[in-house]
Amino acid sequence: MPIKSYLAHPCEGKKDALIASLSSIAQCELLPAENEDVVIVITDTSTEEEDQQLKSRLDNLEALKLLVLVSGFDTPKNP
């Protein structure tokens, strides 16, 4: 299952709107920075296809200015 972490940069003045949008997505965990206009987003999906769909959904958020992948890996499937 793909697990990835991103830095999400909101459009100017839209950090709260971005947090609200991201909070409504079940595969996302958020860690909003207190002193900067950035949100750490951790995603956890079951398949590569689900991961691609989630990435597309994230890229289309209106309050999102920039999404930067920080780390990503696939956990091995149990036999």
PDB file of N, CA and C in Angstrom:
ATOM      1  N   MET A   1       0.830  -1.177   0.000  1.00  0.00           N
ATOM      2  CA  MET A   1       0.000   0.000   0.000  1.00  0.00           C
ATOM      3  C   MET A   1       0.875   1.240   0.000  1.00  0.00           C
ATOM      4  N   PRO A   2       0.621   2.164  -0.918  1.00  0.00           N
ATOM      5  CA  PRO A   2       1.425   3.383  -0.992  1.00  0.00           C
ATOM      6  C   PRO A   2       1.155   4.331   0.187  1.00  0.00           C
ATOM      7  N   ILE A   3       2.235   4.755   0.818  1.00  0.00           N
ATOM      8  CA  ILE A   3       2.167   5.763   1.872  1.00  0.00           C
ATOM      9  C   ILE A   3       3.080   6.897   1.426  1.00  0.00           C
ATOM     10  N   LYS A   4       2.540   8.109   1.393  1.00  0.00           N
ATOM     11  CA  LYS A   4       3.323   9.246   0.916  1.00  0.00           C
ATOM     12  C   LYS A   4       3.122  10.443   1.849  1.00  0.00           C
ATOM     13  N   SER A   5       4.135  11.303   1.876  1.00  0.00           N
ATOM     14  CA  SER A   5       4.011  12.553   2.626  1.00  0.00           C
ATOM     15  C   SER A   5       4.279  13.718   1.680  1.00  0.00           C
ATOM     16  N   TYR A   6       3.499  14.767   1.876  1.00  0.00           N
ATOM     17  CA  TYR A   6       3.570  15.953   1.028  1.00  0.00           C
ATOM     18  C   TYR A   6       3.628  17.205   1.883  1.00  0.00           C
ATOM     19  N   LEU A   7       4.173  18.265   1.320  1.00  0.00           N
ATOM     20  CA  LEU A   7       4.005  19.607   1.861  1.00  0.00           C
ATOM     21  C   LEU A   7       2.987  20.283   0.966  1.00  0.00           C
ATOM     22  N   ALA A   8       1.907  20.736   1.557  1.00  0.00           N
ATOM     23  CA  ALA A   8       0.848  21.413   0.812  1.00  0.00           C
ATOM     24  C   ALA A   8       0.906  22.908   1.118  1.00  0.00           C
ATOM     25  N   HIS A   9       1.090  23.697   0.079  1.00  0.00           N
ATOM     26  CA  HIS A   9       1.138  25.147   0.211  1.00  0.00           C
ATOM     27  C   HIS A   9      -0.190  25.714  -0.278  1.00  0.00           C
ATOM     28  N   PRO A  10      -0.911  26.423   0.580  1.00  0.00           N
ATOM     29  CA  PRO A  10      -2.210  26.967   0.179  1.00  0.00           C
ATOM     30  C   PRO A  10      -2.058  28.240  -0.647  1.00  0.00           C
ATOM     31  N   CYS A  11      -3.100  28.554  -1.383  1.00  0.00           N
ATOM     32  CA  CYS A  11      -3.179  29.868  -2.029  1.00  0.00           C
ATOM     33  C   CYS A  11      -3.220  30.907  -0.916  1.00  0.00           C
ATOM     34  N   GLU A  12      -2.814  32.123  -1.234  1.00  0.00           N
ATOM     35  CA  GLU A  12      -2.744  33.178  -0.215  1.00  0.00           C
ATOM     36  C   GLU A  12      -4.086  33.356   0.499  1.00  0.00           C
ATOM     37  N   GLY A  13      -4.033  33.264   1.837  1.00  0.00           N
ATOM     38  CA  GLY A  13      -5.219  33.455   2.663  1.00  0.00           C
ATOM     39  C   GLY A  13      -6.181  32.283   2.677  1.00  0.00           C
ATOM     40  N   LYS A  14      -5.771  31.130   2.149  1.00  0.00           N
ATOM     41  CA  LYS A  14      -6.687  29.988   2.031  1.00  0.00           C
ATOM     42  C   LYS A  14      -6.240  28.765   2.840  1.00  0.00           C
ATOM     43  N   LYS A  15      -5.399  28.968   3.835  1.00  0.00           N
ATOM     44  CA  LYS A  15      -4.911  27.831   4.619  1.00  0.00           C
ATOM     45  C   LYS A  15      -6.066  27.100   5.307  1.00  0.00           C
ATOM     46  N   ASP A  16      -6.983  27.829   5.914  1.00  0.00           N
ATOM     47  CA  ASP A  16      -8.113  27.190   6.599  1.00  0.00           C
ATOM     48  C   ASP A  16      -9.002  26.431   5.620  1.00  0.00           C
ATOM     49  N   ALA A  17      -9.215  26.991   4.441  1.00  0.00           N
ATOM     50  CA  ALA A  17     -10.020  26.319   3.418  1.00  0.00           C
ATOM     51  C   ALA A  17      -9.323  25.048   2.943  1.00  0.00           C
ATOM     52  N   LEU A  18      -8.005  25.103   2.798  1.00  0.00           N
ATOM     53  CA  LEU A  18      -7.248  23.919   2.383  1.00  0.00           C
ATOM     54  C   LEU A  18      -7.329  22.841   3.455  1.00  0.00           C
ATOM     55  N   ILE A  19      -7.178  23.222   4.703  1.00  0.00           N
ATOM     56  CA  ILE A  19      -7.268  22.251   5.800  1.00  0.00           C
ATOM     57  C   ILE A  19      -8.650  21.606   5.822  1.00  0.00           C
ATOM     58  N   ALA A  20      -9.696  22.401   5.624  1.00  0.00           N
ATOM     59  CA  ALA A  20     -11.051  21.858   5.605  1.00  0.00           C
ATOM     60  C   ALA A  20     -11.232  20.868   4.454  1.00  0.00           C
ATOM     61  N   SER A  21     -10.729  21.204   3.289  1.00  0.00           N
ATOM     62  CA  SER A  21     -10.839  20.306   2.131  1.00  0.00           C
ATOM     63  C   SER A  21     -10.076  19.011   2.363  1.00  0.00           C
ATOM     64  N   LEU A  22      -8.861  19.119   2.853  1.00  0.00           N
ATOM     65  CA  LEU A  22      -8.037  17.930   3.090  1.00  0.00           C
ATOM     66  C   LEU A  22      -8.616  17.064   4.202  1.00  0.00           C
ATOM     67  N   SER A  23      -9.210  17.685   5.205  1.00  0.00           N
ATOM     68  CA  SER A  23      -9.789  16.942   6.333  1.00  0.00           C
ATOM     69  C   SER A  23     -10.948  16.056   5.904  1.00  0.00           C
ATOM     70  N   SER A  24     -11.589  16.412   4.809  1.00  0.00           N
ATOM     71  CA  SER A  24     -12.735  15.625   4.344  1.00  0.00           C
ATOM     72  C   SER A  24     -12.323  14.390   3.536  1.00  0.00           C
ATOM     73  N   ILE A  25     -11.031  14.219   3.296  1.00  0.00           N
ATOM     74  CA  ILE A  25     -10.539  13.081   2.518  1.00  0.00           C
ATOM     75  C   ILE A  25     -10.051  12.008   3.486  1.00  0.00           C
ATOM     76  N   ALA A  26     -10.689  10.840   3.431  1.00  0.00           N
ATOM     77  CA  ALA A  26     -10.423   9.765   4.399  1.00  0.00           C
ATOM     78  C   ALA A  26      -8.974   9.268   4.370  1.00  0.00           C
ATOM     79  N   GLN A  27      -8.329   9.282   3.223  1.00  0.00           N
ATOM     80  CA  GLN A  27      -6.967   8.732   3.109  1.00  0.00           C
ATOM     81  C   GLN A  27      -5.884   9.723   3.524  1.00  0.00           C
ATOM     82  N   CYS A  28      -6.272  10.886   4.041  1.00  0.00           N
ATOM     83  CA  CYS A  28      -5.296  11.920   4.403  1.00  0.00           C
ATOM     84  C   CYS A  28      -5.267  12.171   5.905  1.00  0.00           C
ATOM     85  N   GLU A  29      -4.050  12.313   6.424  1.00  0.00           N
ATOM     86  CA  GLU A  29      -3.829  12.797   7.788  1.00  0.00           C
ATOM     87  C   GLU A  29      -3.094  14.113   7.665  1.00  0.00           C
ATOM     88  N   LEU A  30      -3.438  15.088   8.488  1.00  0.00           N
ATOM     89  CA  LEU A  30      -2.862  16.424   8.369  1.00  0.00           C
ATOM     90  C   LEU A  30      -2.089  16.835   9.607  1.00  0.00           C
ATOM     91  N   LEU A  31      -1.044  17.610   9.369  1.00  0.00           N
ATOM     92  CA  LEU A  31      -0.281  18.252  10.435  1.00  0.00           C
ATOM     93  C   LEU A  31      -0.041  19.697   9.996  1.00  0.00           C
ATOM     94  N   PRO A  32      -0.971  20.598  10.315  1.00  0.00           N
ATOM     95  CA  PRO A  32      -0.786  22.000   9.917  1.00  0.00           C
ATOM     96  C   PRO A  32       0.334  22.655  10.720  1.00  0.00           C
ATOM     97  N   ALA A  33       1.190  23.393  10.036  1.00  0.00           N
ATOM     98  CA  ALA A  33       2.237  24.145  10.722  1.00  0.00           C
ATOM     99  C   ALA A  33       1.593  25.314  11.459  1.00  0.00           C
ATOM    100  N   GLU A  34       2.101  25.600  12.643  1.00  0.00           N
ATOM    101  CA  GLU A  34       1.555  26.700  13.428  1.00  0.00           C
ATOM    102  C   GLU A  34       2.187  28.037  13.053  1.00  0.00           C
ATOM    103  N   ASN A  35       3.426  28.009  12.579  1.00  0.00           N
ATOM    104  CA  ASN A  35       4.127  29.260  12.321  1.00  0.00           C
ATOM    105  C   ASN A  35       4.373  29.532  10.836  1.00  0.00           C
ATOM    106  N   GLU A  36       3.897  28.686   9.959  1.00  0.00           N
ATOM    107  CA  GLU A  36       4.084  28.870   8.521  1.00  0.00           C
ATOM    108  C   GLU A  36       2.791  28.552   7.791  1.00  0.00           C
ATOM    109  N   ASP A  37       2.708  28.988   6.568  1.00  0.00           N
ATOM    110  CA  ASP A  37       1.535  28.729   5.735  1.00  0.00           C
ATOM    111  C   ASP A  37       1.755  27.437   4.949  1.00  0.00           C
ATOM    112  N   VAL A  38       1.828  26.324   5.657  1.00  0.00           N
ATOM    113  CA  VAL A  38       2.065  25.023   5.023  1.00  0.00           C
ATOM    114  C   VAL A  38       1.360  23.945   5.844  1.00  0.00           C
ATOM    115  N   VAL A  39       0.967  22.875   5.159  1.00  0.00           N
ATOM    116  CA  VAL A  39       0.317  21.746   5.818  1.00  0.00           C
ATOM    117  C   VAL A  39       1.054  20.480   5.400  1.00  0.00           C
ATOM    118  N   ILE A  40       1.424  19.661   6.359  1.00  0.00           N
ATOM    119  CA  ILE A  40       2.000  18.349   6.045  1.00  0.00           C
ATOM    120  C   ILE A  40       0.835  17.395   5.849  1.00  0.00           C
ATOM    121  N   VAL A  41       0.862  16.675   4.734  1.00  0.00           N
ATOM    122  CA  VAL A  41      -0.211  15.743   4.394  1.00  0.00           C
ATOM    123  C   VAL A  41       0.401  14.351   4.257  1.00  0.00           C
ATOM    124  N   ILE A  42      -0.139  13.397   5.014  1.00  0.00           N
ATOM    125  CA  ILE A  42       0.267  11.996   4.912  1.00  0.00           C
ATOM    126  C   ILE A  42      -0.893  11.245   4.254  1.00  0.00           C
ATOM    127  N   THR A  43      -0.584  10.525   3.179  1.00  0.00           N
ATOM    128  CA  THR A  43      -1.635   9.750   2.513  1.00  0.00           C
ATOM    129  C   THR A  43      -1.345   8.267   2.653  1.00  0.00           C
ATOM    130  N   ASP A  44      -2.404   7.493   2.745  1.00  0.00           N
ATOM    131  CA  ASP A  44      -2.305   6.041   2.875  1.00  0.00           C
ATOM    132  C   ASP A  44      -3.406   5.432   2.023  1.00  0.00           C
ATOM    133  N   THR A  45      -3.014   4.729   0.969  1.00  0.00           N
ATOM    134  CA  THR A  45      -3.980   4.130   0.055  1.00  0.00           C
ATOM    135  C   THR A  45      -3.718   2.637  -0.062  1.00  0.00           C
ATOM    136  N   SER A  46      -4.713   1.908  -0.563  1.00  0.00           N
ATOM    137  CA  SER A  46      -4.617   0.447  -0.654  1.00  0.00           C
ATOM    138  C   SER A  46      -3.915  -0.040  -1.915  1.00  0.00           C
ATOM    139  N   THR A  47      -4.072   0.709  -2.994  1.00  0.00           N
ATOM    140  CA  THR A  47      -3.507   0.278  -4.276  1.00  0.00           C
ATOM    141  C   THR A  47      -2.867   1.462  -4.985  1.00  0.00           C
ATOM    142  N   GLU A  48      -2.077   1.161  -5.992  1.00  0.00           N
ATOM    143  CA  GLU A  48      -1.458   2.210  -6.796  1.00  0.00           C
ATOM    144  C   GLU A  48      -2.522   3.017  -7.541  1.00  0.00           C
ATOM    145  N   GLU A  49      -3.572   2.345  -7.992  1.00  0.00           N
ATOM    146  CA  GLU A  49      -4.667   3.024  -8.690  1.00  0.00           C
ATOM    147  C   GLU A  49      -5.372   4.008  -7.757  1.00  0.00           C
ATOM    148  N   GLU A  50      -5.648   3.582  -6.533  1.00  0.00           N
ATOM    149  CA  GLU A  50      -6.283   4.465  -5.553  1.00  0.00           C
ATOM    150  C   GLU A  50      -5.381   5.655  -5.247  1.00  0.00           C
ATOM    151  N   ASP A  51      -4.063   5.404  -5.191  1.00  0.00           N
ATOM    152  CA  ASP A  51      -3.102   6.470  -4.944  1.00  0.00           C
ATOM    153  C   ASP A  51      -3.139   7.503  -6.075  1.00  0.00           C
ATOM    154  N   GLN A  52      -3.208   7.056  -7.317  1.00  0.00           N
ATOM    155  CA  GLN A  52      -3.271   7.963  -8.464  1.00  0.00           C
ATOM    156  C   GLN A  52      -4.559   8.790  -8.442  1.00  0.00           C
ATOM    157  N   GLN A  53      -5.664   8.156  -8.069  1.00  0.00           N
ATOM    158  CA  GLN A  53      -6.941   8.870  -7.980  1.00  0.00           C
ATOM    159  C   GLN A  53      -6.885   9.933  -6.882  1.00  0.00           C
ATOM    160  N   LEU A  54      -6.287   9.582  -5.761  1.00  0.00           N
ATOM    161  CA  LEU A  54      -6.149  10.530  -4.658  1.00  0.00           C
ATOM    162  C   LEU A  54      -5.267  11.704  -5.070  1.00  0.00           C
ATOM    163  N   LYS A  55      -4.154  11.434  -5.726  1.00  0.00           N
ATOM    164  CA  LYS A  55      -3.244  12.495  -6.176  1.00  0.00           C
ATOM    165  C   LYS A  55      -3.966  13.448  -7.117  1.00  0.00           C
ATOM    166  N   SER A  56      -4.767  12.913  -8.012  1.00  0.00           N
ATOM    167  CA  SER A  56      -5.544  13.742  -8.924  1.00  0.00           C
ATOM    168  C   SER A  56      -6.529  14.621  -8.154  1.00  0.00           C
ATOM    169  N   ARG A  57      -7.165  14.038  -7.160  1.00  0.00           N
ATOM    170  CA  ARG A  57      -8.117  14.796  -6.327  1.00  0.00           C
ATOM    171  C   ARG A  57      -7.401  15.915  -5.576  1.00  0.00           C
ATOM    172  N   LEU A  58      -6.229  15.616  -5.032  1.00  0.00           N
ATOM    173  CA  LEU A  58      -5.464  16.632  -4.309  1.00  0.00           C
ATOM    174  C   LEU A  58      -5.046  17.761  -5.248  1.00  0.00           C
ATOM    175  N   ASP A  59      -4.583  17.416  -6.436  1.00  0.00           N
ATOM    176  CA  ASP A  59      -4.132  18.424  -7.396  1.00  0.00           C
ATOM    177  C   ASP A  59      -5.242  19.375  -7.817  1.00  0.00           C
ATOM    178  N   ASN A  60      -6.491  18.965  -7.678  1.00  0.00           N
ATOM    179  CA  ASN A  60      -7.621  19.775  -8.115  1.00  0.00           C
ATOM    180  C   ASN A  60      -8.287  20.577  -6.997  1.00  0.00           C
ATOM    181  N   LEU A  61      -7.710  20.584  -5.810  1.00  0.00           N
ATOM    182  CA  LEU A  61      -8.276  21.377  -4.718  1.00  0.00           C
ATOM    183  C   LEU A  61      -8.077  22.862  -5.009  1.00  0.00           C
ATOM    184  N   GLU A  62      -9.149  23.633  -4.910  1.00  0.00           N
ATOM    185  CA  GLU A  62      -9.099  25.061  -5.253  1.00  0.00           C
ATOM    186  C   GLU A  62      -8.157  25.866  -4.363  1.00  0.00           C
ATOM    187  N   ALA A  63      -8.060  25.511  -3.087  1.00  0.00           N
ATOM    188  CA  ALA A  63      -7.241  26.286  -2.149  1.00  0.00           C
ATOM    189  C   ALA A  63      -5.761  25.892  -2.200  1.00  0.00           C
ATOM    190  N   LEU A  64      -5.416  24.891  -3.005  1.00  0.00           N
ATOM    191  CA  LEU A  64      -4.045  24.396  -3.072  1.00  0.00           C
ATOM    192  C   LEU A  64      -3.249  25.136  -4.139  1.00  0.00           C
ATOM    193  N   LYS A  65      -2.125  25.714  -3.725  1.00  0.00           N
ATOM    194  CA  LYS A  65      -1.241  26.396  -4.668  1.00  0.00           C
ATOM    195  C   LYS A  65      -0.171  25.439  -5.184  1.00  0.00           C
ATOM    196  N   LEU A  66       0.414  24.634  -4.270  1.00  0.00           N
ATOM    197  CA  LEU A  66       1.527  23.764  -4.630  1.00  0.00           C
ATOM    198  C   LEU A  66       1.527  22.545  -3.714  1.00  0.00           C
ATOM    199  N   LEU A  67       1.752  21.373  -4.300  1.00  0.00           N
ATOM    200  CA  LEU A  67       1.847  20.130  -3.532  1.00  0.00           C
ATOM    201  C   LEU A  67       3.183  19.486  -3.855  1.00  0.00           C
ATOM    202  N   VAL A  68       4.024  19.307  -2.833  1.00  0.00           N
ATOM    203  CA  VAL A  68       5.373  18.786  -3.032  1.00  0.00           C
ATOM    204  C   VAL A  68       5.497  17.436  -2.330  1.00  0.00           C
ATOM    205  N   LEU A  69       5.853  16.402  -3.103  1.00  0.00           N
ATOM    206  CA  LEU A  69       6.092  15.079  -2.525  1.00  0.00           C
ATOM    207  C   LEU A  69       7.405  15.103  -1.747  1.00  0.00           C
ATOM    208  N   VAL A  70       7.344  14.702  -0.492  1.00  0.00           N
ATOM    209  CA  VAL A  70       8.536  14.677   0.356  1.00  0.00           C
ATOM    210  C   VAL A  70       9.094  13.262   0.434  1.00  0.00           C
ATOM    211  N   SER A  71       8.212  12.288   0.605  1.00  0.00           N
ATOM    212  CA  SER A  71       8.633  10.904   0.743  1.00  0.00           C
ATOM    213  C   SER A  71       7.500   9.988   0.312  1.00  0.00           C
ATOM    214  N   GLY A  72       7.854   8.872  -0.277  1.00  0.00           N
ATOM    215  CA  GLY A  72       6.841   7.906  -0.655  1.00  0.00           C
ATOM    216  C   GLY A  72       7.428   6.511  -0.731  1.00  0.00           C
ATOM    217  N   PHE A  73       6.640   5.542  -0.299  1.00  0.00           N
ATOM    218  CA  PHE A  73       7.082   4.159  -0.405  1.00  0.00           C
ATOM    219  C   PHE A  73       5.875   3.238  -0.393  1.00  0.00           C
ATOM    220  N   ASP A  74       6.084   2.028  -0.889  1.00  0.00           N
ATOM    221  CA  ASP A  74       5.049   1.000  -0.864  1.00  0.00           C
ATOM    222  C   ASP A  74       5.428  -0.021   0.191  1.00  0.00           C
ATOM    223  N   THR A  75       4.471  -0.354   1.046  1.00  0.00           N
ATOM    224  CA  THR A  75       4.729  -1.396   2.037  1.00  0.00           C
ATOM    225  C   THR A  75       4.516  -2.748   1.356  1.00  0.00           C
ATOM    226  N   PRO A  76       5.323  -3.739   1.699  1.00  0.00           N
ATOM    227  CA  PRO A  76       5.178  -5.052   1.069  1.00  0.00           C
ATOM    228  C   PRO A  76       3.856  -5.710   1.455  1.00  0.00           C
ATOM    229  N   LYS A  77       3.297  -6.436   0.509  1.00  0.00           N
ATOM    230  CA  LYS A  77       2.066  -7.169   0.768  1.00  0.00           C
ATOM    231  C   LYS A  77       2.409  -8.460   1.516  1.00  0.00           C
ATOM    232  N   ASN A  78       1.551  -8.820   2.468  1.00  0.00           N
ATOM    233  CA  ASN A  78       1.754 -10.070   3.197  1.00  0.00           C
ATOM    234  C   ASN A  78       1.342 -11.234   2.316  1.00  0.00           C
ATOM    235  N   PRO A  79       2.124 -12.313   2.303  1.00  0.00           N
ATOM    236  CA  PRO A  79       1.779 -13.466   1.465  1.00  0.00           C
ATOM    237  C   PRO A  79       0.549 -14.199   1.948  1.00  0.00           C
TER     238      PRO A  79
END
